[in-house]
PDB file of N, CA and C in Angstrom:
ATOM      1  N   MET A   1      -9.937  10.741  32.309  1.00  0.00           N
ATOM      2  CA  MET A   1      -9.295   9.531  32.807  1.00  0.00           C
ATOM      3  C   MET A   1      -8.421   8.955  31.690  1.00  0.00           C
ATOM      4  N   LYS A   2      -7.173   8.681  32.028  1.00  0.00           N
ATOM      5  CA  LYS A   2      -6.265   8.120  31.021  1.00  0.00           C
ATOM      6  C   LYS A   2      -6.166   6.613  31.234  1.00  0.00           C
ATOM      7  N   VAL A   3      -6.584   5.868  30.234  1.00  0.00           N
ATOM      8  CA  VAL A   3      -6.564   4.409  30.275  1.00  0.00           C
ATOM      9  C   VAL A   3      -5.419   3.925  29.395  1.00  0.00           C
ATOM     10  N   THR A   4      -4.687   2.919  29.875  1.00  0.00           N
ATOM     11  CA  THR A   4      -3.586   2.337  29.109  1.00  0.00           C
ATOM     12  C   THR A   4      -3.904   0.878  28.828  1.00  0.00           C
ATOM     13  N   ILE A   5      -3.732   0.477  27.572  1.00  0.00           N
ATOM     14  CA  ILE A   5      -3.937  -0.920  27.183  1.00  0.00           C
ATOM     15  C   ILE A   5      -2.627  -1.462  26.631  1.00  0.00           C
ATOM     16  N   TYR A   6      -2.169  -2.554  27.218  1.00  0.00           N
ATOM     17  CA  TYR A   6      -1.013  -3.273  26.686  1.00  0.00           C
ATOM     18  C   TYR A   6      -1.557  -4.375  25.792  1.00  0.00           C
ATOM     19  N   SER A   7      -1.105  -4.389  24.544  1.00  0.00           N
ATOM     20  CA  SER A   7      -1.653  -5.333  23.567  1.00  0.00           C
ATOM     21  C   SER A   7      -0.532  -5.966  22.764  1.00  0.00           C
ATOM     22  N   LYS A   8      -0.915  -6.899  21.898  1.00  0.00           N
ATOM     23  CA  LYS A   8       0.039  -7.463  20.937  1.00  0.00           C
ATOM     24  C   LYS A   8      -0.674  -7.659  19.616  1.00  0.00           C
ATOM     25  N   ASN A   9       0.094  -7.895  18.572  1.00  0.00           N
ATOM     26  CA  ASN A   9      -0.473  -8.074  17.237  1.00  0.00           C
ATOM     27  C   ASN A   9      -1.324  -9.342  17.179  1.00  0.00           C
ATOM     28  N   ASN A  10      -2.370  -9.309  16.370  1.00  0.00           N
ATOM     29  CA  ASN A  10      -3.235 -10.474  16.122  1.00  0.00           C
ATOM     30  C   ASN A  10      -3.826 -11.056  17.398  1.00  0.00           C
ATOM     31  N   CYS A  11      -4.233 -10.199  18.308  1.00  0.00           N
ATOM     32  CA  CYS A  11      -4.818 -10.621  19.586  1.00  0.00           C
ATOM     33  C   CYS A  11      -6.302 -10.250  19.581  1.00  0.00           C
ATOM     34  N   MET A  12      -7.157 -11.267  19.514  1.00  0.00           N
ATOM     35  CA  MET A  12      -8.598 -11.010  19.423  1.00  0.00           C
ATOM     36  C   MET A  12      -9.129 -10.314  20.677  1.00  0.00           C
ATOM     37  N   GLN A  13      -8.682 -10.745  21.856  1.00  0.00           N
ATOM     38  CA  GLN A  13      -9.164 -10.092  23.080  1.00  0.00           C
ATOM     39  C   GLN A  13      -8.712  -8.634  23.144  1.00  0.00           C
ATOM     40  N   CYS A  14      -7.512  -8.358  22.604  1.00  0.00           N
ATOM     41  CA  CYS A  14      -7.035  -6.973  22.548  1.00  0.00           C
ATOM     42  C   CYS A  14      -7.952  -6.139  21.652  1.00  0.00           C
ATOM     43  N   LYS A  15      -8.267  -6.677  20.490  1.00  0.00           N
ATOM     44  CA  LYS A  15      -9.134  -5.964  19.547  1.00  0.00           C
ATOM     45  C   LYS A  15     -10.507  -5.711  20.155  1.00  0.00           C
ATOM     46  N   MET A  16     -11.048  -6.716  20.844  1.00  0.00           N
ATOM     47  CA  MET A  16     -12.380  -6.558  21.452  1.00  0.00           C
ATOM     48  C   MET A  16     -12.352  -5.507  22.564  1.00  0.00           C
ATOM     49  N   THR A  17     -11.275  -5.491  23.334  1.00  0.00           N
ATOM     50  CA  THR A  17     -11.144  -4.510  24.411  1.00  0.00           C
ATOM     51  C   THR A  17     -11.059  -3.101  23.846  1.00  0.00           C
ATOM     52  N   LYS A  18     -10.230  -2.913  22.812  1.00  0.00           N
ATOM     53  CA  LYS A  18     -10.093  -1.589  22.197  1.00  0.00           C
ATOM     54  C   LYS A  18     -11.406  -1.145  21.565  1.00  0.00           C
ATOM     55  N   ARG A  19     -12.106  -2.086  20.913  1.00  0.00           N
ATOM     56  CA  ARG A  19     -13.383  -1.745  20.297  1.00  0.00           C
ATOM     57  C   ARG A  19     -14.396  -1.316  21.362  1.00  0.00           C
ATOM     58  N   PHE A  20     -14.456  -2.054  22.470  1.00  0.00           N
ATOM     59  CA  PHE A  20     -15.391  -1.712  23.552  1.00  0.00           C
ATOM     60  C   PHE A  20     -15.130  -0.281  24.029  1.00  0.00           C
ATOM     61  N   LEU A  21     -13.866   0.043  24.311  1.00  0.00           N
ATOM     62  CA  LEU A  21     -13.550   1.377  24.816  1.00  0.00           C
ATOM     63  C   LEU A  21     -13.850   2.451  23.779  1.00  0.00           C
ATOM     64  N   SER A  22     -13.533   2.174  22.520  1.00  0.00           N
ATOM     65  CA  SER A  22     -13.818   3.151  21.463  1.00  0.00           C
ATOM     66  C   SER A  22     -15.317   3.401  21.340  1.00  0.00           C
ATOM     67  N   GLU A  23     -16.099   2.317  21.392  1.00  0.00           N
ATOM     68  CA  GLU A  23     -17.556   2.452  21.257  1.00  0.00           C
ATOM     69  C   GLU A  23     -18.156   3.217  22.429  1.00  0.00           C
ATOM     70  N   HIS A  24     -17.467   3.212  23.574  1.00  0.00           N
ATOM     71  CA  HIS A  24     -17.952   3.930  24.750  1.00  0.00           C
ATOM     72  C   HIS A  24     -17.215   5.260  24.951  1.00  0.00           C
ATOM     73  N   ASN A  25     -16.529   5.710  23.896  1.00  0.00           N
ATOM     74  CA  ASN A  25     -15.848   7.012  23.886  1.00  0.00           C
ATOM     75  C   ASN A  25     -14.860   7.180  25.032  1.00  0.00           C
ATOM     76  N   VAL A  26     -14.121   6.118  25.341  1.00  0.00           N
ATOM     77  CA  VAL A  26     -13.087   6.180  26.371  1.00  0.00           C
ATOM     78  C   VAL A  26     -11.739   6.369  25.675  1.00  0.00           C
ATOM     79  N   ASP A  27     -11.037   7.446  26.041  1.00  0.00           N
ATOM     80  CA  ASP A  27      -9.698   7.677  25.489  1.00  0.00           C
ATOM     81  C   ASP A  27      -8.740   6.668  26.100  1.00  0.00           C
ATOM     82  N   PHE A  28      -7.891   6.094  25.265  1.00  0.00           N
ATOM     83  CA  PHE A  28      -6.896   5.170  25.800  1.00  0.00           C
ATOM     84  C   PHE A  28      -5.613   5.273  24.992  1.00  0.00           C
ATOM     85  N   GLU A  29      -4.540   4.883  25.657  1.00  0.00           N
ATOM     86  CA  GLU A  29      -3.234   4.809  25.002  1.00  0.00           C
ATOM     87  C   GLU A  29      -2.901   3.337  24.847  1.00  0.00           C
ATOM     88  N   GLU A  30      -2.575   2.952  23.624  1.00  0.00           N
ATOM     89  CA  GLU A  30      -2.214   1.556  23.370  1.00  0.00           C
ATOM     90  C   GLU A  30      -0.706   1.408  23.410  1.00  0.00           C
ATOM     91  N   ARG A  31      -0.237   0.383  24.131  1.00  0.00           N
ATOM     92  CA  ARG A  31       1.184   0.062  24.187  1.00  0.00           C
ATOM     93  C   ARG A  31       1.349  -1.363  23.672  1.00  0.00           C
ATOM     94  N   ASN A  32       1.875  -1.469  22.462  1.00  0.00           N
ATOM     95  CA  ASN A  32       1.987  -2.764  21.789  1.00  0.00           C
ATOM     96  C   ASN A  32       3.312  -3.425  22.151  1.00  0.00           C
ATOM     97  N   ILE A  33       3.231  -4.649  22.702  1.00  0.00           N
ATOM     98  CA  ILE A  33       4.451  -5.331  23.145  1.00  0.00           C
ATOM     99  C   ILE A  33       5.264  -5.893  21.981  1.00  0.00           C
ATOM    100  N   ASN A  34       4.657  -6.020  20.802  1.00  0.00           N
ATOM    101  CA  ASN A  34       5.425  -6.437  19.625  1.00  0.00           C
ATOM    102  C   ASN A  34       6.322  -5.294  19.147  1.00  0.00           C
ATOM    103  N   GLN A  35       5.786  -4.081  19.189  1.00  0.00           N
ATOM    104  CA  GLN A  35       6.545  -2.917  18.741  1.00  0.00           C
ATOM    105  C   GLN A  35       7.500  -2.416  19.818  1.00  0.00           C
ATOM    106  N   ASN A  36       7.145  -2.628  21.088  1.00  0.00           N
ATOM    107  CA  ASN A  36       7.955  -2.153  22.209  1.00  0.00           C
ATOM    108  C   ASN A  36       8.140  -3.288  23.217  1.00  0.00           C
ATOM    109  N   PRO A  37       9.083  -4.201  22.952  1.00  0.00           N
ATOM    110  CA  PRO A  37       9.267  -5.374  23.817  1.00  0.00           C
ATOM    111  C   PRO A  37       9.613  -5.027  25.271  1.00  0.00           C
ATOM    112  N   GLU A  38      10.081  -3.801  25.515  1.00  0.00           N
ATOM    113  CA  GLU A  38      10.403  -3.446  26.902  1.00  0.00           C
ATOM    114  C   GLU A  38       9.181  -3.470  27.809  1.00  0.00           C
ATOM    115  N   TYR A  39       7.991  -3.356  27.232  1.00  0.00           N
ATOM    116  CA  TYR A  39       6.768  -3.419  28.043  1.00  0.00           C
ATOM    117  C   TYR A  39       6.552  -4.808  28.637  1.00  0.00           C
ATOM    118  N   VAL A  40       7.111  -5.834  28.010  1.00  0.00           N
ATOM    119  CA  VAL A  40       6.951  -7.206  28.511  1.00  0.00           C
ATOM    120  C   VAL A  40       7.522  -7.313  29.924  1.00  0.00           C
ATOM    121  N   SER A  41       8.698  -6.741  30.147  1.00  0.00           N
ATOM    122  CA  SER A  41       9.322  -6.780  31.474  1.00  0.00           C
ATOM    123  C   SER A  41       8.435  -6.087  32.502  1.00  0.00           C
ATOM    124  N   TYR A  42       7.893  -4.929  32.128  1.00  0.00           N
ATOM    125  CA  TYR A  42       7.020  -4.189  33.031  1.00  0.00           C
ATOM    126  C   TYR A  42       5.803  -5.040  33.410  1.00  0.00           C
ATOM    127  N   LEU A  43       5.173  -5.659  32.425  1.00  0.00           N
ATOM    128  CA  LEU A  43       3.980  -6.465  32.696  1.00  0.00           C
ATOM    129  C   LEU A  43       4.312  -7.659  33.586  1.00  0.00           C
ATOM    130  N   LYS A  44       5.450  -8.301  33.349  1.00  0.00           N
ATOM    131  CA  LYS A  44       5.866  -9.428  34.190  1.00  0.00           C
ATOM    132  C   LYS A  44       6.102  -8.980  35.620  1.00  0.00           C
ATOM    133  N   GLU A  45       6.703  -7.792  35.791  1.00  0.00           N
ATOM    134  CA  GLU A  45       6.921  -7.247  37.131  1.00  0.00           C
ATOM    135  C   GLU A  45       5.596  -7.019  37.857  1.00  0.00           C
ATOM    136  N   GLN A  46       4.563  -6.681  37.089  1.00  0.00           N
ATOM    137  CA  GLN A  46       3.237  -6.453  37.666  1.00  0.00           C
ATOM    138  C   GLN A  46       2.477  -7.756  37.899  1.00  0.00           C
ATOM    139  N   GLY A  47       3.061  -8.884  37.457  1.00  0.00           N
ATOM    140  CA  GLY A  47       2.436 -10.184  37.675  1.00  0.00           C
ATOM    141  C   GLY A  47       1.574 -10.678  36.534  1.00  0.00           C
ATOM    142  N   PHE A  48       1.640 -10.011  35.388  1.00  0.00           N
ATOM    143  CA  PHE A  48       0.810 -10.410  34.247  1.00  0.00           C
ATOM    144  C   PHE A  48       1.619 -11.274  33.286  1.00  0.00           C
ATOM    145  N   GLN A  49       0.945 -12.267  32.704  1.00  0.00           N
ATOM    146  CA  GLN A  49       1.590 -13.132  31.721  1.00  0.00           C
ATOM    147  C   GLN A  49       0.808 -13.194  30.421  1.00  0.00           C
ATOM    148  N   ALA A  50      -0.250 -12.400  30.314  1.00  0.00           N
ATOM    149  CA  ALA A  50      -1.082 -12.398  29.110  1.00  0.00           C
ATOM    150  C   ALA A  50      -1.581 -10.977  28.860  1.00  0.00           C
ATOM    151  N   VAL A  51      -1.937 -10.713  27.612  1.00  0.00           N
ATOM    152  CA  VAL A  51      -2.525  -9.424  27.248  1.00  0.00           C
ATOM    153  C   VAL A  51      -3.921  -9.676  26.678  1.00  0.00           C
ATOM    154  N   PRO A  52      -4.785  -8.700  26.626  1.00  0.00           N
ATOM    155  CA  PRO A  52      -4.518  -7.316  26.974  1.00  0.00           C
ATOM    156  C   PRO A  52      -4.477  -7.100  28.491  1.00  0.00           C
ATOM    157  N   VAL A  53      -3.671  -6.129  28.895  1.00  0.00           N
ATOM    158  CA  VAL A  53      -3.677  -5.652  30.275  1.00  0.00           C
ATOM    159  C   VAL A  53      -4.204  -4.229  30.224  1.00  0.00           C
ATOM    160  N   VAL A  54      -5.168  -3.940  31.084  1.00  0.00           N
ATOM    161  CA  VAL A  54      -5.784  -2.613  31.115  1.00  0.00           C
ATOM    162  C   VAL A  54      -5.479  -1.961  32.452  1.00  0.00           C
ATOM    163  N   GLU A  55      -4.954  -0.747  32.387  1.00  0.00           N
ATOM    164  CA  GLU A  55      -4.707   0.049  33.584  1.00  0.00           C
ATOM    165  C   GLU A  55      -5.557   1.311  33.496  1.00  0.00           C
ATOM    166  N   ALA A  56      -6.311   1.568  34.568  1.00  0.00           N
ATOM    167  CA  ALA A  56      -7.138   2.770  34.631  1.00  0.00           C
ATOM    168  C   ALA A  56      -7.029   3.352  36.036  1.00  0.00           C
ATOM    169  N   PRO A  57      -6.970   4.679  36.145  1.00  0.00           N
ATOM    170  CA  PRO A  57      -6.851   5.310  37.457  1.00  0.00           C
ATOM    171  C   PRO A  57      -7.986   4.897  38.382  1.00  0.00           C
ATOM    172  N   GLY A  58      -7.628   4.539  39.616  1.00  0.00           N
ATOM    173  CA  GLY A  58      -8.626   4.209  40.619  1.00  0.00           C
ATOM    174  C   GLY A  58      -9.141   2.782  40.586  1.00  0.00           C
ATOM    175  N   LEU A  59      -8.670   1.995  39.627  1.00  0.00           N
ATOM    176  CA  LEU A  59      -9.113   0.600  39.524  1.00  0.00           C
ATOM    177  C   LEU A  59      -7.899  -0.313  39.453  1.00  0.00           C
ATOM    178  N   PRO A  60      -8.019  -1.531  40.008  1.00  0.00           N
ATOM    179  CA  PRO A  60      -6.903  -2.464  39.864  1.00  0.00           C
ATOM    180  C   PRO A  60      -6.717  -2.849  38.392  1.00  0.00           C
ATOM    181  N   ALA A  61      -5.481  -3.021  37.973  1.00  0.00           N
ATOM    182  CA  ALA A  61      -5.210  -3.453  36.602  1.00  0.00           C
ATOM    183  C   ALA A  61      -5.749  -4.873  36.416  1.00  0.00           C
ATOM    184  N   PHE A  62      -6.155  -5.197  35.196  1.00  0.00           N
ATOM    185  CA  PHE A  62      -6.678  -6.532  34.900  1.00  0.00           C
ATOM    186  C   PHE A  62      -6.270  -6.926  33.498  1.00  0.00           C
ATOM    187  N   TYR A  63      -6.411  -8.217  33.202  1.00  0.00           N
ATOM    188  CA  TYR A  63      -6.062  -8.684  31.857  1.00  0.00           C
ATOM    189  C   TYR A  63      -7.238  -9.431  31.256  1.00  0.00           C
ATOM    190  N   GLY A  64      -7.201  -9.549  29.926  1.00  0.00           N
ATOM    191  CA  GLY A  64      -8.265 -10.232  29.197  1.00  0.00           C
ATOM    192  C   GLY A  64      -9.386  -9.287  28.821  1.00  0.00           C
ATOM    193  N   PHE A  65     -10.319  -9.785  28.029  1.00  0.00           N
ATOM    194  CA  PHE A  65     -11.500  -9.004  27.657  1.00  0.00           C
ATOM    195  C   PHE A  65     -12.515  -9.164  28.767  1.00  0.00           C
ATOM    196  N   ARG A  66     -12.698  -8.104  29.564  1.00  0.00           N
ATOM    197  CA  ARG A  66     -13.539  -8.161  30.757  1.00  0.00           C
ATOM    198  C   ARG A  66     -14.616  -7.077  30.688  1.00  0.00           C
ATOM    199  N   PRO A  67     -15.730  -7.366  30.027  1.00  0.00           N
ATOM    200  CA  PRO A  67     -16.778  -6.335  29.915  1.00  0.00           C
ATOM    201  C   PRO A  67     -17.230  -5.791  31.263  1.00  0.00           C
ATOM    202  N   ASP A  68     -17.216  -6.639  32.319  1.00  0.00           N
ATOM    203  CA  ASP A  68     -17.637  -6.156  33.631  1.00  0.00           C
ATOM    204  C   ASP A  68     -16.706  -5.041  34.132  1.00  0.00           C
ATOM    205  N   GLN A  69     -15.402  -5.218  33.942  1.00  0.00           N
ATOM    206  CA  GLN A  69     -14.443  -4.187  34.356  1.00  0.00           C
ATOM    207  C   GLN A  69     -14.456  -2.995  33.399  1.00  0.00           C
ATOM    208  N   LEU A  70     -14.581  -3.274  32.116  1.00  0.00           N
ATOM    209  CA  LEU A  70     -14.588  -2.194  31.121  1.00  0.00           C
ATOM    210  C   LEU A  70     -15.785  -1.275  31.313  1.00  0.00           C
ATOM    211  N   THR A  71     -16.912  -1.841  31.744  1.00  0.00           N
ATOM    212  CA  THR A  71     -18.100  -1.029  31.997  1.00  0.00           C
ATOM    213  C   THR A  71     -17.837  -0.033  33.120  1.00  0.00           C
ATOM    214  N   LYS A  72     -17.062  -0.441  34.129  1.00  0.00           N
ATOM    215  CA  LYS A  72     -16.704   0.477  35.226  1.00  0.00           C
ATOM    216  C   LYS A  72     -15.888   1.646  34.689  1.00  0.00           C
ATOM    217  N   ILE A  73     -14.994   1.357  33.742  1.00  0.00           N
ATOM    218  CA  ILE A  73     -14.163   2.416  33.163  1.00  0.00           C
ATOM    219  C   ILE A  73     -15.031   3.337  32.304  1.00  0.00           C
ATOM    220  N   ALA A  74     -15.933   2.750  31.532  1.00  0.00           N
ATOM    221  CA  ALA A  74     -16.765   3.537  30.623  1.00  0.00           C
ATOM    222  C   ALA A  74     -17.784   4.370  31.393  1.00  0.00           C
ATOM    223  N   GLY A  75     -18.167   3.848  32.585  1.00  0.00           N
ATOM    224  CA  GLY A  75     -19.082   4.496  33.523  1.00  0.00           C
ATOM    225  C   GLY A  75     -19.896   5.565  32.925  1.00  0.00           C
TER     226      GLY A  75
END
């Protein structure tokens, strides 16, 4: 399963989300909006105004540090 995390620099919820996935051995691709501002437009089109945003196959995308949703991904 390929998980994508949209993050930004100095974001505590982003760090906690990445740590949770790493600790549960979930592979993910990080897309940093500070390094790649074009991702901001994509996230706005999807209706998000905050990061982290997590996209995982078969699950609705969500934002924030959400252990309940992350547990479903780590399954």
